[in-house]
Amino acid sequence: MQQKMIQFSGDVSLPAVGQGTWYMGEDASQRKTEVAALRAGIELGLTLIDTAEMYADGGAEKVVGEALTGLR
């Protein structure tokens, strides 16, 4: 998949499209669905996952970790 990149000052560039994780990790019953959603994006070629430690008090980062496990 060819990605459109956004160029910032210097040599910094980021993919124009990524996945967000706001609200992920807040409801344990949604964990499998959230992991599957992230993995689907990765399989489609997305390489940018936006997260923050404040999302679900760090829970979103745990979901991302689970989604990435075994993919490298």
N, C-alpha and C. Protein backbone atom coordinates (compact mmCIF):
# COMPACT_ATOMS: atom_id res chain seq x y z
N MET A 1 0.85 -1.18 0.00
CA MET A 1 0.00 0.00 0.00
C MET A 1 0.89 1.24 0.00
N GLN A 2 0.65 2.12 -0.92
CA GLN A 2 1.40 3.37 -0.97
C GLN A 2 0.77 4.34 0.01
N GLN A 3 1.59 4.96 0.86
CA GLN A 3 1.08 5.88 1.87
C GLN A 3 1.39 7.32 1.49
N LYS A 4 0.41 8.18 1.67
CA LYS A 4 0.65 9.60 1.52
C LYS A 4 1.27 10.08 2.83
N MET A 5 2.33 10.83 2.72
CA MET A 5 3.04 11.31 3.90
C MET A 5 2.86 12.82 4.04
N ILE A 6 2.89 13.27 5.27
CA ILE A 6 2.87 14.70 5.57
C ILE A 6 4.27 15.07 6.03
N GLN A 7 4.86 16.05 5.38
CA GLN A 7 6.22 16.47 5.68
C GLN A 7 6.20 17.64 6.66
N PHE A 8 6.95 17.50 7.73
CA PHE A 8 7.11 18.58 8.70
C PHE A 8 8.50 19.17 8.53
N SER A 9 8.83 20.17 9.31
CA SER A 9 10.14 20.80 9.18
C SER A 9 11.24 19.77 9.44
N GLY A 10 12.35 19.98 8.79
CA GLY A 10 13.45 19.04 8.93
C GLY A 10 13.16 17.76 8.18
N ASP A 11 13.59 16.66 8.74
CA ASP A 11 13.40 15.36 8.10
C ASP A 11 12.24 14.57 8.70
N VAL A 12 11.31 15.26 9.35
CA VAL A 12 10.20 14.58 10.02
C VAL A 12 9.01 14.46 9.08
N SER A 13 8.53 13.24 8.92
CA SER A 13 7.31 13.02 8.14
C SER A 13 6.50 11.91 8.81
N LEU A 14 5.19 11.99 8.65
CA LEU A 14 4.27 11.01 9.23
C LEU A 14 3.23 10.62 8.18
N PRO A 15 2.70 9.40 8.29
CA PRO A 15 1.62 9.01 7.38
C PRO A 15 0.42 9.95 7.54
N ALA A 16 -0.26 10.24 6.45
CA ALA A 16 -1.42 11.13 6.49
C ALA A 16 -2.63 10.47 7.15
N VAL A 17 -2.67 9.14 7.16
CA VAL A 17 -3.79 8.40 7.74
C VAL A 17 -3.25 7.43 8.79
N GLY A 18 -3.95 7.37 9.91
CA GLY A 18 -3.56 6.44 10.96
C GLY A 18 -4.78 5.98 11.73
N GLN A 19 -4.54 5.26 12.80
CA GLN A 19 -5.62 4.77 13.65
C GLN A 19 -5.54 5.45 15.00
N GLY A 20 -6.67 5.84 15.54
CA GLY A 20 -6.73 6.43 16.87
C GLY A 20 -7.20 5.40 17.89
N THR A 21 -6.85 5.62 19.14
CA THR A 21 -7.19 4.64 20.18
C THR A 21 -8.00 5.24 21.33
N TRP A 22 -8.56 6.44 21.11
CA TRP A 22 -9.36 7.06 22.15
C TRP A 22 -10.54 6.14 22.47
N TYR A 23 -10.81 5.91 23.69
CA TYR A 23 -11.84 5.01 24.23
C TYR A 23 -11.46 3.54 24.20
N MET A 24 -10.36 3.18 23.57
CA MET A 24 -9.93 1.78 23.62
C MET A 24 -9.35 1.49 25.00
N GLY A 25 -9.58 0.30 25.48
CA GLY A 25 -9.04 -0.11 26.77
C GLY A 25 -9.91 0.25 27.95
N GLU A 26 -11.05 0.88 27.70
CA GLU A 26 -11.93 1.27 28.80
C GLU A 26 -12.90 0.18 29.22
N ASP A 27 -13.27 -0.68 28.29
CA ASP A 27 -14.28 -1.72 28.55
C ASP A 27 -13.68 -3.07 28.18
N ALA A 28 -13.39 -3.89 29.19
CA ALA A 28 -12.74 -5.18 28.96
C ALA A 28 -13.54 -6.07 28.00
N SER A 29 -14.85 -5.91 27.98
CA SER A 29 -15.66 -6.75 27.09
C SER A 29 -15.44 -6.41 25.61
N GLN A 30 -14.81 -5.26 25.33
CA GLN A 30 -14.55 -4.83 23.96
C GLN A 30 -13.12 -5.14 23.50
N ARG A 31 -12.32 -5.74 24.37
CA ARG A 31 -10.89 -5.94 24.10
C ARG A 31 -10.64 -6.68 22.79
N LYS A 32 -11.31 -7.79 22.56
CA LYS A 32 -11.08 -8.57 21.34
C LYS A 32 -11.43 -7.76 20.09
N THR A 33 -12.50 -7.00 20.15
CA THR A 33 -12.92 -6.18 19.02
C THR A 33 -11.90 -5.08 18.76
N GLU A 34 -11.39 -4.46 19.82
CA GLU A 34 -10.40 -3.38 19.67
C GLU A 34 -9.10 -3.92 19.08
N VAL A 35 -8.64 -5.05 19.58
CA VAL A 35 -7.42 -5.66 19.06
C VAL A 35 -7.62 -6.03 17.59
N ALA A 36 -8.76 -6.60 17.26
CA ALA A 36 -9.06 -6.97 15.88
C ALA A 36 -9.09 -5.75 14.96
N ALA A 37 -9.64 -4.65 15.45
CA ALA A 37 -9.70 -3.42 14.64
C ALA A 37 -8.30 -2.89 14.34
N LEU A 38 -7.45 -2.88 15.35
CA LEU A 38 -6.07 -2.42 15.14
C LEU A 38 -5.33 -3.35 14.18
N ARG A 39 -5.49 -4.64 14.37
CA ARG A 39 -4.81 -5.59 13.48
C ARG A 39 -5.31 -5.47 12.05
N ALA A 40 -6.59 -5.22 11.87
CA ALA A 40 -7.13 -5.04 10.52
C ALA A 40 -6.47 -3.84 9.85
N GLY A 41 -6.33 -2.75 10.58
CA GLY A 41 -5.66 -1.58 10.03
C GLY A 41 -4.22 -1.87 9.66
N ILE A 42 -3.52 -2.59 10.52
CA ILE A 42 -2.13 -2.95 10.26
C ILE A 42 -2.04 -3.83 9.01
N GLU A 43 -2.93 -4.81 8.90
CA GLU A 43 -2.94 -5.69 7.73
C GLU A 43 -3.23 -4.92 6.45
N LEU A 44 -3.98 -3.82 6.56
CA LEU A 44 -4.27 -2.99 5.39
C LEU A 44 -3.13 -2.03 5.07
N GLY A 45 -2.10 -2.00 5.92
CA GLY A 45 -0.93 -1.18 5.64
C GLY A 45 -0.77 0.06 6.48
N LEU A 46 -1.68 0.31 7.41
CA LEU A 46 -1.53 1.49 8.27
C LEU A 46 -0.35 1.29 9.21
N THR A 47 0.43 2.34 9.38
CA THR A 47 1.62 2.26 10.23
C THR A 47 1.62 3.27 11.36
N LEU A 48 0.63 4.14 11.41
CA LEU A 48 0.54 5.15 12.46
C LEU A 48 -0.60 4.80 13.40
N ILE A 49 -0.27 4.60 14.68
CA ILE A 49 -1.28 4.36 15.71
C ILE A 49 -1.12 5.47 16.74
N ASP A 50 -2.17 6.28 16.88
CA ASP A 50 -2.15 7.40 17.81
C ASP A 50 -2.70 6.95 19.16
N THR A 51 -1.93 7.19 20.21
CA THR A 51 -2.37 6.85 21.55
C THR A 51 -1.82 7.87 22.53
N ALA A 52 -2.31 7.80 23.74
CA ALA A 52 -1.83 8.67 24.82
C ALA A 52 -2.04 7.94 26.13
N GLU A 53 -1.14 8.15 27.06
CA GLU A 53 -1.25 7.44 28.34
C GLU A 53 -2.53 7.79 29.09
N MET A 54 -3.14 8.91 28.74
CA MET A 54 -4.38 9.30 29.42
C MET A 54 -5.60 8.54 28.90
N TYR A 55 -5.49 7.92 27.72
CA TYR A 55 -6.61 7.15 27.18
C TYR A 55 -6.80 5.90 28.04
N ALA A 56 -7.93 5.82 28.72
CA ALA A 56 -8.27 4.69 29.60
C ALA A 56 -7.18 4.47 30.64
N ASP A 57 -6.54 5.57 31.05
CA ASP A 57 -5.50 5.51 32.09
C ASP A 57 -4.42 4.49 31.73
N GLY A 58 -4.00 4.51 30.47
CA GLY A 58 -2.96 3.61 29.98
C GLY A 58 -3.51 2.34 29.35
N GLY A 59 -4.80 2.12 29.44
CA GLY A 59 -5.41 0.91 28.89
C GLY A 59 -5.31 0.82 27.38
N ALA A 60 -5.36 1.95 26.69
CA ALA A 60 -5.25 1.95 25.23
C ALA A 60 -3.89 1.43 24.80
N GLU A 61 -2.85 1.79 25.54
CA GLU A 61 -1.51 1.32 25.20
C GLU A 61 -1.40 -0.19 25.38
N LYS A 62 -2.12 -0.74 26.34
CA LYS A 62 -2.12 -2.19 26.53
C LYS A 62 -2.81 -2.87 25.36
N VAL A 63 -3.88 -2.27 24.86
CA VAL A 63 -4.58 -2.82 23.68
C VAL A 63 -3.64 -2.79 22.47
N VAL A 64 -2.93 -1.69 22.28
CA VAL A 64 -1.98 -1.59 21.17
C VAL A 64 -0.90 -2.66 21.31
N GLY A 65 -0.38 -2.83 22.52
CA GLY A 65 0.63 -3.86 22.75
C GLY A 65 0.13 -5.24 22.38
N GLU A 66 -1.09 -5.54 22.78
CA GLU A 66 -1.67 -6.85 22.45
C GLU A 66 -1.86 -6.99 20.94
N ALA A 67 -2.29 -5.94 20.29
CA ALA A 67 -2.50 -5.99 18.84
C ALA A 67 -1.19 -6.21 18.08
N LEU A 68 -0.10 -5.68 18.60
CA LEU A 68 1.19 -5.79 17.92
C LEU A 68 1.93 -7.08 18.25
N THR A 69 1.53 -7.75 19.31
CA THR A 69 2.22 -8.97 19.74
C THR A 69 2.24 -10.01 18.62
N GLY A 70 3.44 -10.47 18.32
CA GLY A 70 3.62 -11.52 17.32
C GLY A 70 3.62 -11.05 15.88
N LEU A 71 3.51 -9.77 15.63
CA LEU A 71 3.46 -9.27 14.25
C LEU A 71 4.82 -8.94 13.67
N ARG A 72 5.83 -8.93 14.48
CA ARG A 72 7.14 -8.55 13.95
C ARG A 72 7.97 -9.73 13.61
